[in-house]
Amino acid sequence: HFVHVRVNGSYRGILQDVLDKIFIPFFTTKPKGSGIGLSLSKQIMRLHAGSITAKSEPEQGTTFTLTF
């Protein structure tokens, strides 16, 4: 059995070309961003035999799913 935790955001969403890169270390769209947050989150989930994924629709929001 798996546990899924979904976190929804109603912000403006993430464009597909950016969404494909958000878990890459040091990738950022922010002028002062480090690009560490989501790549570190993915690594932590892997170390605990889990996963993290993201789905997004521009102007409709983003959903992150953590699976344990």
Protein backbone atom coordinates (compact mmCIF):
# COMPACT_ATOMS: atom_id res chain seq x y z
CA HIS A 1 0.00 0.00 0.00
CA PHE A 2 1.12 3.53 -0.71
CA VAL A 3 0.29 6.83 0.92
CA HIS A 4 -0.14 9.83 -1.37
CA VAL A 5 0.04 13.38 -0.06
CA ARG A 6 -1.11 16.01 -2.53
CA VAL A 7 -0.40 19.70 -2.12
CA ASN A 8 -2.38 22.00 -4.40
CA GLY A 9 -1.55 25.58 -5.20
CA SER A 10 -3.86 27.94 -7.03
CA TYR A 11 -1.10 30.29 -8.08
CA ARG A 12 -0.57 30.89 -11.80
CA GLY A 13 0.81 27.42 -12.54
CA ILE A 14 4.07 26.36 -14.18
CA LEU A 15 4.68 26.28 -17.92
CA GLN A 16 5.49 22.82 -19.31
CA ASP A 17 9.04 23.70 -20.46
CA VAL A 18 9.82 24.87 -16.91
CA LEU A 19 7.95 21.98 -15.25
CA ASP A 20 10.23 19.52 -17.05
CA LYS A 21 13.23 21.08 -15.26
CA ILE A 22 12.05 21.94 -11.74
CA PHE A 23 13.72 18.93 -10.07
CA ILE A 24 17.11 19.54 -11.76
CA PRO A 25 19.68 20.80 -9.22
CA PHE A 26 20.39 24.53 -9.50
CA PHE A 27 17.58 25.18 -12.02
CA THR A 28 15.68 28.31 -11.06
CA THR A 29 13.49 30.94 -12.65
CA LYS A 30 13.99 33.37 -9.78
CA PRO A 31 16.65 36.09 -10.02
CA LYS A 32 17.95 35.27 -6.52
CA GLY A 33 16.94 31.61 -6.41
CA SER A 34 19.40 28.79 -5.74
CA GLY A 35 17.54 25.95 -7.45
CA ILE A 36 18.17 23.67 -4.49
CA GLY A 37 14.72 23.30 -2.89
CA LEU A 38 12.87 20.91 -5.17
CA SER A 39 15.95 18.89 -6.14
CA LEU A 40 16.74 18.42 -2.44
CA SER A 41 13.12 17.46 -1.75
CA LYS A 42 13.27 14.83 -4.48
CA GLN A 43 16.51 13.40 -3.08
CA ILE A 44 15.06 13.23 0.44
CA MET A 45 11.99 11.41 -0.87
CA ARG A 46 14.19 8.91 -2.73
CA LEU A 47 16.25 8.27 0.40
CA HIS A 48 13.01 7.35 2.16
CA ALA A 49 11.85 5.07 -0.69
CA GLY A 50 9.32 7.64 -1.86
CA SER A 51 8.82 9.96 -4.79
CA ILE A 52 7.65 13.48 -5.58
CA THR A 53 5.98 14.57 -8.79
CA ALA A 54 4.39 17.75 -10.08
CA LYS A 55 1.53 18.44 -12.46
CA SER A 56 0.58 21.92 -13.50
CA GLU A 57 -1.76 23.84 -15.76
CA PRO A 58 -0.81 27.43 -16.55
CA GLU A 59 -3.23 29.90 -14.94
CA GLN A 60 -4.92 27.05 -13.02
CA GLY A 61 -2.37 25.91 -10.46
CA THR A 62 0.07 23.16 -9.56
CA THR A 63 -0.23 19.90 -7.64
CA PHE A 64 2.75 18.23 -6.00
CA THR A 65 2.26 14.58 -5.07
CA LEU A 66 4.46 12.89 -2.46
CA THR A 67 4.22 9.09 -2.50
CA PHE A 68 5.47 6.99 0.42
